[in-house]
Amino acid sequence: RECLQGCHLVLVPAGVPRKPGMDRADLLNVNLGIARDLVEACATYCPDAILGLIVNPVNSVVPAMAELYKRRGLDPRKVCGVTTLDCVRANKFVHEITGVPTASINVPVIGGHAGATILPLFSQDPAGAKLPEEVLRALDKRVQDAGTEVVKAKSGKGSATLSMAYAGARF
């Protein structure tokens, strides 16, 4: 209670990471309850705060938590999904190909945070805009599948925890 009272921004990096073989529906069953408890506490102790949810599956958790806020008579637009991780990944991949410093790259990513709903706009960044079409198609797919790539690389022992922290800080 004391840590939430008076807050204007609350970042919620919560839930269990995806493991090999799990899909986002599996995560939803576990992480929705975790997010609900935290969002209800925010609704009670800092109802005017903006919430940045870093809870997978973001595409499902955020609308559910916005509805919870709405039912409590609060502004559901204050519940945001943090998908900055997709931007961080897109920037890193452009850097790897072009050598341009990541601090100079800013690829906006629109849509959701699940597979084909992730839409990196490489054309909106000067370095990304110079990449050939065949490279862009591969990069689109790589950004969309990057979460699965990390889960596989960690052999099911976690997800992109530090990357999520960085993405939350950037948000």
N, C-alpha and C. Protein backbone atom coordinates (compact mmCIF):
# COMPACT_ATOMS: atom_id res chain seq x y z
N ARG A 1 0.82 -1.18 0.00
CA ARG A 1 0.00 0.00 0.00
C ARG A 1 0.87 1.25 0.00
N GLU A 2 1.86 1.30 0.89
CA GLU A 2 2.71 2.49 1.00
C GLU A 2 3.50 2.73 -0.28
N CYS A 3 3.90 1.67 -0.95
CA CYS A 3 4.71 1.85 -2.16
C CYS A 3 3.88 2.33 -3.34
N LEU A 4 2.57 2.25 -3.29
CA LEU A 4 1.72 2.68 -4.40
C LEU A 4 1.08 4.04 -4.18
N GLN A 5 0.83 4.41 -2.95
CA GLN A 5 0.15 5.68 -2.68
C GLN A 5 0.95 6.86 -3.23
N GLY A 6 0.27 7.70 -4.01
CA GLY A 6 0.91 8.88 -4.57
C GLY A 6 1.68 8.63 -5.87
N CYS A 7 1.71 7.40 -6.34
CA CYS A 7 2.44 7.12 -7.59
C CYS A 7 1.70 7.71 -8.79
N HIS A 8 2.48 8.18 -9.75
CA HIS A 8 1.93 8.70 -11.00
C HIS A 8 2.16 7.72 -12.15
N LEU A 9 3.16 6.85 -11.99
CA LEU A 9 3.49 5.83 -12.98
C LEU A 9 3.87 4.56 -12.24
N VAL A 10 3.26 3.45 -12.63
CA VAL A 10 3.60 2.15 -12.04
C VAL A 10 3.94 1.20 -13.18
N LEU A 11 5.15 0.69 -13.17
CA LEU A 11 5.55 -0.34 -14.13
C LEU A 11 5.36 -1.69 -13.47
N VAL A 12 4.71 -2.58 -14.18
CA VAL A 12 4.38 -3.90 -13.62
C VAL A 12 5.07 -4.97 -14.46
N PRO A 13 6.33 -5.31 -14.10
CA PRO A 13 7.01 -6.42 -14.78
C PRO A 13 6.74 -7.70 -14.00
N ALA A 14 5.68 -8.39 -14.34
CA ALA A 14 5.25 -9.51 -13.51
C ALA A 14 4.89 -10.72 -14.35
N GLY A 15 4.76 -11.83 -13.69
CA GLY A 15 4.32 -13.05 -14.35
C GLY A 15 5.44 -14.04 -14.54
N VAL A 16 5.06 -15.20 -15.02
CA VAL A 16 6.04 -16.25 -15.29
C VAL A 16 6.50 -16.12 -16.75
N PRO A 17 7.75 -16.49 -17.03
CA PRO A 17 8.22 -16.44 -18.42
C PRO A 17 7.68 -17.62 -19.21
N ARG A 18 7.66 -17.43 -20.52
CA ARG A 18 7.24 -18.51 -21.41
C ARG A 18 8.35 -19.55 -21.48
N LYS A 19 7.95 -20.81 -21.47
CA LYS A 19 8.89 -21.92 -21.57
C LYS A 19 8.68 -22.62 -22.91
N PRO A 20 9.66 -23.40 -23.35
CA PRO A 20 9.48 -24.10 -24.63
C PRO A 20 8.20 -24.92 -24.64
N GLY A 21 7.47 -24.82 -25.74
CA GLY A 21 6.22 -25.56 -25.88
C GLY A 21 5.00 -24.79 -25.40
N MET A 22 5.22 -23.73 -24.61
CA MET A 22 4.10 -22.92 -24.13
C MET A 22 3.71 -21.93 -25.20
N ASP A 23 2.43 -21.70 -25.32
CA ASP A 23 2.00 -20.60 -26.18
C ASP A 23 1.44 -19.50 -25.29
N ARG A 24 1.02 -18.42 -25.90
CA ARG A 24 0.56 -17.27 -25.12
C ARG A 24 -0.72 -17.58 -24.34
N ALA A 25 -1.52 -18.53 -24.82
CA ALA A 25 -2.73 -18.92 -24.08
C ALA A 25 -2.36 -19.59 -22.77
N ASP A 26 -1.30 -20.42 -22.78
CA ASP A 26 -0.83 -21.05 -21.55
C ASP A 26 -0.40 -19.98 -20.53
N LEU A 27 0.32 -18.97 -21.03
CA LEU A 27 0.78 -17.90 -20.15
C LEU A 27 -0.40 -17.12 -19.56
N LEU A 28 -1.41 -16.93 -20.38
CA LEU A 28 -2.55 -16.13 -19.94
C LEU A 28 -3.17 -16.70 -18.68
N ASN A 29 -3.31 -17.99 -18.61
CA ASN A 29 -3.93 -18.63 -17.45
C ASN A 29 -3.22 -18.28 -16.15
N VAL A 30 -1.90 -18.19 -16.19
CA VAL A 30 -1.13 -17.90 -14.98
C VAL A 30 -0.98 -16.40 -14.77
N ASN A 31 -0.56 -15.71 -15.82
CA ASN A 31 -0.18 -14.30 -15.66
C ASN A 31 -1.36 -13.35 -15.49
N LEU A 32 -2.52 -13.73 -15.95
CA LEU A 32 -3.69 -12.87 -15.79
C LEU A 32 -4.02 -12.67 -14.31
N GLY A 33 -3.94 -13.73 -13.54
CA GLY A 33 -4.21 -13.62 -12.10
C GLY A 33 -3.19 -12.77 -11.38
N ILE A 34 -1.93 -12.91 -11.77
CA ILE A 34 -0.86 -12.10 -11.16
C ILE A 34 -1.09 -10.63 -11.48
N ALA A 35 -1.36 -10.34 -12.75
CA ALA A 35 -1.59 -8.96 -13.18
C ALA A 35 -2.83 -8.39 -12.49
N ARG A 36 -3.88 -9.18 -12.41
CA ARG A 36 -5.13 -8.71 -11.78
C ARG A 36 -4.89 -8.23 -10.36
N ASP A 37 -4.16 -9.01 -9.59
CA ASP A 37 -3.91 -8.62 -8.19
C ASP A 37 -3.16 -7.29 -8.11
N LEU A 38 -2.17 -7.13 -8.96
CA LEU A 38 -1.38 -5.89 -8.94
C LEU A 38 -2.19 -4.69 -9.44
N VAL A 39 -2.96 -4.90 -10.50
CA VAL A 39 -3.76 -3.81 -11.06
C VAL A 39 -4.88 -3.42 -10.09
N GLU A 40 -5.46 -4.37 -9.40
CA GLU A 40 -6.48 -4.04 -8.39
C GLU A 40 -5.87 -3.21 -7.26
N ALA A 41 -4.64 -3.54 -6.88
CA ALA A 41 -3.97 -2.75 -5.84
C ALA A 41 -3.73 -1.33 -6.34
N CYS A 42 -3.34 -1.18 -7.59
CA CYS A 42 -3.14 0.16 -8.16
C CYS A 42 -4.47 0.92 -8.22
N ALA A 43 -5.54 0.23 -8.59
CA ALA A 43 -6.86 0.87 -8.66
C ALA A 43 -7.28 1.40 -7.28
N THR A 44 -6.88 0.70 -6.25
CA THR A 44 -7.23 1.10 -4.89
C THR A 44 -6.33 2.21 -4.35
N TYR A 45 -5.01 2.07 -4.54
CA TYR A 45 -4.06 2.95 -3.85
C TYR A 45 -3.48 4.07 -4.71
N CYS A 46 -3.55 3.95 -6.03
CA CYS A 46 -3.05 5.03 -6.90
C CYS A 46 -3.89 5.07 -8.18
N PRO A 47 -5.18 5.33 -8.04
CA PRO A 47 -6.11 5.24 -9.17
C PRO A 47 -5.83 6.22 -10.31
N ASP A 48 -5.06 7.27 -10.06
CA ASP A 48 -4.75 8.23 -11.11
C ASP A 48 -3.45 7.92 -11.84
N ALA A 49 -2.74 6.90 -11.39
CA ALA A 49 -1.45 6.56 -12.01
C ALA A 49 -1.65 5.92 -13.38
N ILE A 50 -0.64 6.10 -14.22
CA ILE A 50 -0.58 5.38 -15.49
C ILE A 50 0.12 4.06 -15.19
N LEU A 51 -0.45 2.96 -15.70
CA LEU A 51 0.14 1.64 -15.48
C LEU A 51 0.80 1.17 -16.77
N GLY A 52 2.04 0.77 -16.67
CA GLY A 52 2.75 0.17 -17.79
C GLY A 52 2.91 -1.31 -17.52
N LEU A 53 2.13 -2.13 -18.21
CA LEU A 53 2.15 -3.57 -17.95
C LEU A 53 3.18 -4.26 -18.85
N ILE A 54 4.14 -4.92 -18.22
CA ILE A 54 5.12 -5.73 -18.91
C ILE A 54 4.80 -7.16 -18.49
N VAL A 55 3.67 -7.64 -18.95
CA VAL A 55 3.13 -8.94 -18.55
C VAL A 55 2.65 -9.65 -19.81
N ASN A 56 3.21 -10.80 -20.09
CA ASN A 56 2.78 -11.54 -21.28
C ASN A 56 1.64 -12.49 -20.96
N PRO A 57 0.75 -12.69 -21.88
CA PRO A 57 0.70 -12.10 -23.21
C PRO A 57 0.05 -10.71 -23.18
N VAL A 58 0.84 -9.70 -23.51
CA VAL A 58 0.39 -8.30 -23.44
C VAL A 58 -0.90 -8.09 -24.22
N ASN A 59 -1.01 -8.71 -25.40
CA ASN A 59 -2.20 -8.50 -26.24
C ASN A 59 -3.49 -8.91 -25.54
N SER A 60 -3.41 -9.81 -24.59
CA SER A 60 -4.60 -10.27 -23.87
C SER A 60 -4.71 -9.65 -22.48
N VAL A 61 -3.60 -9.48 -21.81
CA VAL A 61 -3.61 -8.97 -20.43
C VAL A 61 -4.06 -7.51 -20.39
N VAL A 62 -3.55 -6.68 -21.28
CA VAL A 62 -3.87 -5.25 -21.23
C VAL A 62 -5.37 -4.99 -21.42
N PRO A 63 -6.02 -5.56 -22.44
CA PRO A 63 -7.47 -5.31 -22.55
C PRO A 63 -8.26 -5.79 -21.33
N ALA A 64 -7.85 -6.92 -20.77
CA ALA A 64 -8.55 -7.43 -19.59
C ALA A 64 -8.37 -6.49 -18.40
N MET A 65 -7.17 -5.97 -18.22
CA MET A 65 -6.91 -5.06 -17.10
C MET A 65 -7.56 -3.69 -17.34
N ALA A 66 -7.63 -3.26 -18.59
CA ALA A 66 -8.34 -2.01 -18.91
C ALA A 66 -9.82 -2.16 -18.57
N GLU A 67 -10.38 -3.33 -18.85
CA GLU A 67 -11.78 -3.60 -18.52
C GLU A 67 -11.98 -3.60 -17.00
N LEU A 68 -11.02 -4.14 -16.27
CA LEU A 68 -11.08 -4.11 -14.80
C LEU A 68 -11.13 -2.66 -14.32
N TYR A 69 -10.27 -1.81 -14.88
CA TYR A 69 -10.27 -0.40 -14.52
C TYR A 69 -11.62 0.25 -14.83
N LYS A 70 -12.14 -0.06 -16.00
CA LYS A 70 -13.42 0.50 -16.43
C LYS A 70 -14.54 0.11 -15.46
N ARG A 71 -14.57 -1.16 -15.05
CA ARG A 71 -15.59 -1.63 -14.11
C ARG A 71 -15.46 -0.95 -12.76
N ARG A 72 -14.25 -0.53 -12.41
CA ARG A 72 -14.04 0.18 -11.14
C ARG A 72 -14.34 1.68 -11.28
N GLY A 73 -14.78 2.12 -12.47
CA GLY A 73 -15.08 3.53 -12.69
C GLY A 73 -13.85 4.37 -12.98
N LEU A 74 -12.74 3.72 -13.33
CA LEU A 74 -11.49 4.43 -13.61
C LEU A 74 -11.25 4.50 -15.12
N ASP A 75 -10.30 5.31 -15.51
CA ASP A 75 -9.99 5.53 -16.92
C ASP A 75 -9.18 4.35 -17.47
N PRO A 76 -9.77 3.53 -18.35
CA PRO A 76 -9.05 2.37 -18.88
C PRO A 76 -7.88 2.75 -19.78
N ARG A 77 -7.85 4.00 -20.24
CA ARG A 77 -6.74 4.45 -21.09
C ARG A 77 -5.45 4.62 -20.29
N LYS A 78 -5.54 4.53 -18.99
CA LYS A 78 -4.34 4.63 -18.14
C LYS A 78 -3.61 3.30 -18.04
N VAL A 79 -4.18 2.25 -18.60
CA VAL A 79 -3.55 0.92 -18.59
C VAL A 79 -2.88 0.72 -19.95
N CYS A 80 -1.56 0.69 -19.94
CA CYS A 80 -0.78 0.60 -21.19
C CYS A 80 0.02 -0.70 -21.22
N GLY A 81 0.16 -1.24 -22.39
CA GLY A 81 1.03 -2.39 -22.59
C GLY A 81 2.40 -1.92 -23.03
N VAL A 82 3.44 -2.39 -22.38
CA VAL A 82 4.79 -2.00 -22.74
C VAL A 82 5.32 -3.02 -23.75
N THR A 83 5.40 -2.58 -24.98
CA THR A 83 5.94 -3.44 -26.05
C THR A 83 7.22 -2.83 -26.62
N THR A 84 7.85 -1.97 -25.83
CA THR A 84 9.09 -1.32 -26.24
C THR A 84 10.17 -2.34 -26.54
N LEU A 85 10.05 -3.53 -25.98
CA LEU A 85 11.02 -4.59 -26.24
C LEU A 85 11.12 -4.88 -27.73
N ASP A 86 10.01 -4.81 -28.45
CA ASP A 86 10.04 -5.04 -29.89
C ASP A 86 10.84 -3.95 -30.61
N CYS A 87 10.73 -2.71 -30.13
CA CYS A 87 11.52 -1.61 -30.71
C CYS A 87 13.01 -1.82 -30.44
N VAL A 88 13.33 -2.22 -29.21
CA VAL A 88 14.73 -2.47 -28.84
C VAL A 88 15.31 -3.56 -29.73
N ARG A 89 14.55 -4.61 -29.95
CA ARG A 89 15.03 -5.71 -30.80
C ARG A 89 15.20 -5.26 -32.24
N ALA A 90 14.22 -4.53 -32.78
CA ALA A 90 14.31 -4.05 -34.16
C ALA A 90 15.54 -3.15 -34.32
N ASN A 91 15.77 -2.26 -33.37
CA ASN A 91 16.94 -1.38 -33.43
C ASN A 91 18.23 -2.18 -33.42
N LYS A 92 18.30 -3.18 -32.56
CA LYS A 92 19.51 -4.02 -32.45
C LYS A 92 19.77 -4.78 -33.75
N PHE A 93 18.72 -5.31 -34.36
CA PHE A 93 18.90 -6.07 -35.59
C PHE A 93 19.36 -5.17 -36.74
N VAL A 94 18.84 -3.94 -36.80
CA VAL A 94 19.29 -2.99 -37.83
C VAL A 94 20.77 -2.65 -37.59
N HIS A 95 21.13 -2.44 -36.34
CA HIS A 95 22.53 -2.18 -35.99
C HIS A 95 23.44 -3.31 -36.45
N GLU A 96 23.03 -4.55 -36.18
CA GLU A 96 23.86 -5.70 -36.55
C GLU A 96 24.13 -5.75 -38.06
N ILE A 97 23.17 -5.32 -38.85
CA ILE A 97 23.32 -5.36 -40.31
C ILE A 97 24.07 -4.14 -40.85
N THR A 98 23.77 -2.96 -40.28
CA THR A 98 24.30 -1.71 -40.84
C THR A 98 25.54 -1.20 -40.14
N GLY A 99 25.73 -1.56 -38.88
CA GLY A 99 26.82 -1.00 -38.10
C GLY A 99 26.52 0.37 -37.52
N VAL A 100 25.37 0.93 -37.83
CA VAL A 100 24.96 2.23 -37.27
C VAL A 100 24.75 2.04 -35.76
N PRO A 101 25.25 2.96 -34.93
CA PRO A 101 25.07 2.82 -33.48
C PRO A 101 23.59 2.74 -33.10
N THR A 102 23.28 1.88 -32.15
CA THR A 102 21.88 1.71 -31.74
C THR A 102 21.29 3.02 -31.21
N ALA A 103 22.12 3.88 -30.64
CA ALA A 103 21.62 5.16 -30.13
C ALA A 103 21.09 6.06 -31.26
N SER A 104 21.50 5.76 -32.49
CA SER A 104 21.06 6.55 -33.64
C SER A 104 19.93 5.89 -34.41
N ILE A 105 19.48 4.74 -33.94
CA ILE A 105 18.43 4.00 -34.63
C ILE A 105 17.15 4.07 -33.81
N ASN A 106 16.04 4.32 -34.49
CA ASN A 106 14.75 4.38 -33.80
C ASN A 106 13.67 3.81 -34.72
N VAL A 107 13.54 2.49 -34.71
CA VAL A 107 12.52 1.83 -35.52
C VAL A 107 11.23 1.76 -34.72
N PRO A 108 10.19 2.47 -35.15
CA PRO A 108 8.92 2.33 -34.44
C PRO A 108 8.29 0.97 -34.75
N VAL A 109 7.62 0.41 -33.78
CA VAL A 109 6.92 -0.86 -33.96
C VAL A 109 5.48 -0.64 -33.53
N ILE A 110 4.56 -0.96 -34.42
CA ILE A 110 3.14 -0.79 -34.12
C ILE A 110 2.47 -2.16 -34.05
N GLY A 111 1.23 -2.17 -33.65
CA GLY A 111 0.48 -3.42 -33.56
C GLY A 111 0.53 -3.97 -32.17
N GLY A 112 0.61 -5.27 -32.08
CA GLY A 112 0.61 -5.93 -30.78
C GLY A 112 1.97 -6.43 -30.39
N HIS A 113 1.97 -7.46 -29.58
CA HIS A 113 3.23 -8.04 -29.09
C HIS A 113 3.13 -9.56 -29.18
N ALA A 114 2.69 -10.03 -30.35
CA ALA A 114 2.56 -11.48 -30.55
C ALA A 114 2.65 -11.78 -32.05
N GLY A 115 3.72 -12.44 -32.43
CA GLY A 115 3.85 -12.91 -33.80
C GLY A 115 3.56 -11.87 -34.85
N ALA A 116 2.64 -12.20 -35.76
CA ALA A 116 2.34 -11.35 -36.91
C ALA A 116 1.70 -10.02 -36.53
N THR A 117 1.28 -9.84 -35.27
CA THR A 117 0.72 -8.54 -34.87
C THR A 117 1.82 -7.50 -34.64
N ILE A 118 3.07 -7.95 -34.59
CA ILE A 118 4.21 -7.05 -34.39
C ILE A 118 4.62 -6.52 -35.76
N LEU A 119 4.53 -5.19 -35.95
CA LEU A 119 4.80 -4.59 -37.25
C LEU A 119 5.90 -3.53 -37.15
N PRO A 120 7.17 -3.95 -37.34
CA PRO A 120 8.26 -2.97 -37.31
C PRO A 120 8.20 -2.09 -38.56
N LEU A 121 8.34 -0.78 -38.36
CA LEU A 121 8.30 0.16 -39.48
C LEU A 121 9.73 0.61 -39.81
N PHE A 122 10.49 -0.30 -40.41
CA PHE A 122 11.89 -0.02 -40.73
C PHE A 122 12.03 1.19 -41.64
N SER A 123 11.04 1.43 -42.48
CA SER A 123 11.09 2.56 -43.42
C SER A 123 11.10 3.91 -42.72
N GLN A 124 10.71 3.95 -41.43
CA GLN A 124 10.63 5.20 -40.70
C GLN A 124 11.95 5.58 -40.02
N ASP A 125 12.96 4.72 -40.15
CA ASP A 125 14.27 5.00 -39.60
C ASP A 125 15.26 5.11 -40.76
N PRO A 126 16.13 6.14 -40.76
CA PRO A 126 17.05 6.31 -41.89
C PRO A 126 17.91 5.07 -42.19
N ALA A 127 18.44 4.42 -41.17
CA ALA A 127 19.26 3.23 -41.41
C ALA A 127 18.40 2.06 -41.89
N GLY A 128 17.25 1.87 -41.28
CA GLY A 128 16.36 0.79 -41.69
C GLY A 128 15.80 0.98 -43.08
N ALA A 129 15.57 2.23 -43.46
CA ALA A 129 14.99 2.53 -44.77
C ALA A 129 15.93 2.16 -45.92
N LYS A 130 17.21 2.04 -45.64
CA LYS A 130 18.19 1.72 -46.68
C LYS A 130 18.33 0.22 -46.93
N LEU A 131 17.68 -0.58 -46.11
CA LEU A 131 17.84 -2.03 -46.25
C LEU A 131 17.02 -2.55 -47.43
N PRO A 132 17.57 -3.53 -48.17
CA PRO A 132 16.83 -4.09 -49.31
C PRO A 132 15.61 -4.89 -48.85
N GLU A 133 14.64 -5.00 -49.75
CA GLU A 133 13.35 -5.65 -49.46
C GLU A 133 13.51 -7.05 -48.88
N GLU A 134 14.41 -7.87 -49.44
CA GLU A 134 14.56 -9.24 -48.95
C GLU A 134 15.10 -9.27 -47.53
N VAL A 135 15.94 -8.31 -47.18
CA VAL A 135 16.46 -8.22 -45.81
C VAL A 135 15.34 -7.78 -44.87
N LEU A 136 14.52 -6.84 -45.32
CA LEU A 136 13.40 -6.36 -44.50
C LEU A 136 12.40 -7.47 -44.20
N ARG A 137 12.11 -8.30 -45.19
CA ARG A 137 11.17 -9.42 -44.95
C ARG A 137 11.72 -10.35 -43.86
N ALA A 138 13.02 -10.64 -43.94
CA ALA A 138 13.64 -11.51 -42.93
C ALA A 138 13.65 -10.83 -41.56
N LEU A 139 13.91 -9.52 -41.53
CA LEU A 139 13.92 -8.80 -40.26
C LEU A 139 12.53 -8.72 -39.63
N ASP A 140 11.50 -8.52 -40.46
CA ASP A 140 10.12 -8.54 -39.94
C ASP A 140 9.89 -9.83 -39.17
N LYS A 141 10.22 -10.94 -39.80
CA LYS A 141 10.00 -12.27 -39.21
C LYS A 141 10.86 -12.44 -37.94
N ARG A 142 12.10 -11.95 -38.00
CA ARG A 142 12.98 -12.12 -36.84
C ARG A 142 12.46 -11.33 -35.64
N VAL A 143 11.99 -10.10 -35.86
CA VAL A 143 11.43 -9.31 -34.75
C VAL A 143 10.18 -10.01 -34.21
N GLN A 144 9.34 -10.53 -35.11
CA GLN A 144 8.11 -11.20 -34.70
C GLN A 144 8.39 -12.48 -33.90
N ASP A 145 9.49 -13.16 -34.21
CA ASP A 145 9.81 -14.43 -33.55
C ASP A 145 10.90 -14.31 -32.48
N ALA A 146 11.33 -13.09 -32.17
CA ALA A 146 12.46 -12.91 -31.26
C ALA A 146 12.20 -13.47 -29.87
N GLY A 147 10.99 -13.37 -29.37
CA GLY A 147 10.69 -13.91 -28.04
C GLY A 147 10.89 -15.41 -27.99
N THR A 148 10.43 -16.09 -29.02
CA THR A 148 10.60 -17.54 -29.10
C THR A 148 12.08 -17.89 -29.23
N GLU A 149 12.82 -17.08 -29.98
CA GLU A 149 14.26 -17.28 -30.15
C GLU A 149 14.98 -17.22 -28.80
N VAL A 150 14.59 -16.27 -27.95
CA VAL A 150 15.21 -16.13 -26.63
C VAL A 150 14.85 -17.32 -25.74
N VAL A 151 13.59 -17.72 -25.75
CA VAL A 151 13.16 -18.85 -24.92
C VAL A 151 13.94 -20.11 -25.30
N LYS A 152 14.10 -20.34 -26.60
CA LYS A 152 14.87 -21.51 -27.06
C LYS A 152 16.33 -21.39 -26.67
N ALA A 153 16.91 -20.21 -26.82
CA ALA A 153 18.33 -20.00 -26.50
C ALA A 153 18.61 -20.23 -25.02
N LYS A 154 17.62 -19.94 -24.17
CA LYS A 154 17.79 -20.13 -22.72
C LYS A 154 17.32 -21.50 -22.27
N SER A 155 17.03 -22.37 -23.22
CA SER A 155 16.60 -23.74 -22.94
C SER A 155 15.48 -23.81 -21.91
N GLY A 156 14.55 -22.89 -22.00
CA GLY A 156 13.40 -22.92 -21.12
C GLY A 156 13.65 -22.42 -19.71
N LYS A 157 14.82 -21.85 -19.47
CA LYS A 157 15.15 -21.39 -18.12
C LYS A 157 14.90 -19.90 -17.96
N GLY A 158 13.93 -19.37 -18.68
CA GLY A 158 13.60 -17.96 -18.53
C GLY A 158 13.32 -17.31 -19.86
N SER A 159 13.18 -16.00 -19.80
CA SER A 159 12.93 -15.23 -21.02
C SER A 159 13.85 -14.03 -21.00
N ALA A 160 13.50 -13.01 -21.74
CA ALA A 160 14.37 -11.85 -21.91
C ALA A 160 14.25 -10.87 -20.74
N THR A 161 14.59 -11.31 -19.55
CA THR A 161 14.37 -10.53 -18.34
C THR A 161 15.09 -9.18 -18.37
N LEU A 162 16.38 -9.17 -18.68
CA LEU A 162 17.11 -7.91 -18.71
C LEU A 162 16.62 -7.01 -19.83
N SER A 163 16.29 -7.60 -20.96
CA SER A 163 15.76 -6.82 -22.07
C SER A 163 14.44 -6.19 -21.69
N MET A 164 13.61 -6.92 -20.97
CA MET A 164 12.32 -6.37 -20.52
C MET A 164 12.54 -5.22 -19.56
N ALA A 165 13.53 -5.34 -18.69
CA ALA A 165 13.84 -4.25 -17.75
C ALA A 165 14.28 -3.01 -18.53
N TYR A 166 15.13 -3.20 -19.52
CA TYR A 166 15.59 -2.09 -20.35
C TYR A 166 14.41 -1.45 -21.09
N ALA A 167 13.56 -2.29 -21.65
CA ALA A 167 12.39 -1.79 -22.39
C ALA A 167 11.46 -1.01 -21.45
N GLY A 168 11.28 -1.50 -20.23
CA GLY A 168 10.46 -0.79 -19.25
C GLY A 168 11.06 0.56 -18.90
N ALA A 169 12.37 0.61 -18.73
CA ALA A 169 13.05 1.87 -18.43
C ALA A 169 12.91 2.85 -19.58
N ARG A 170 12.98 2.35 -20.80
CA ARG A 170 12.81 3.22 -21.98
C ARG A 170 11.40 3.74 -22.10
N PHE A 171 10.43 2.93 -21.70
CA PHE A 171 9.01 3.33 -21.73
C PHE A 171 8.81 4.55 -20.85
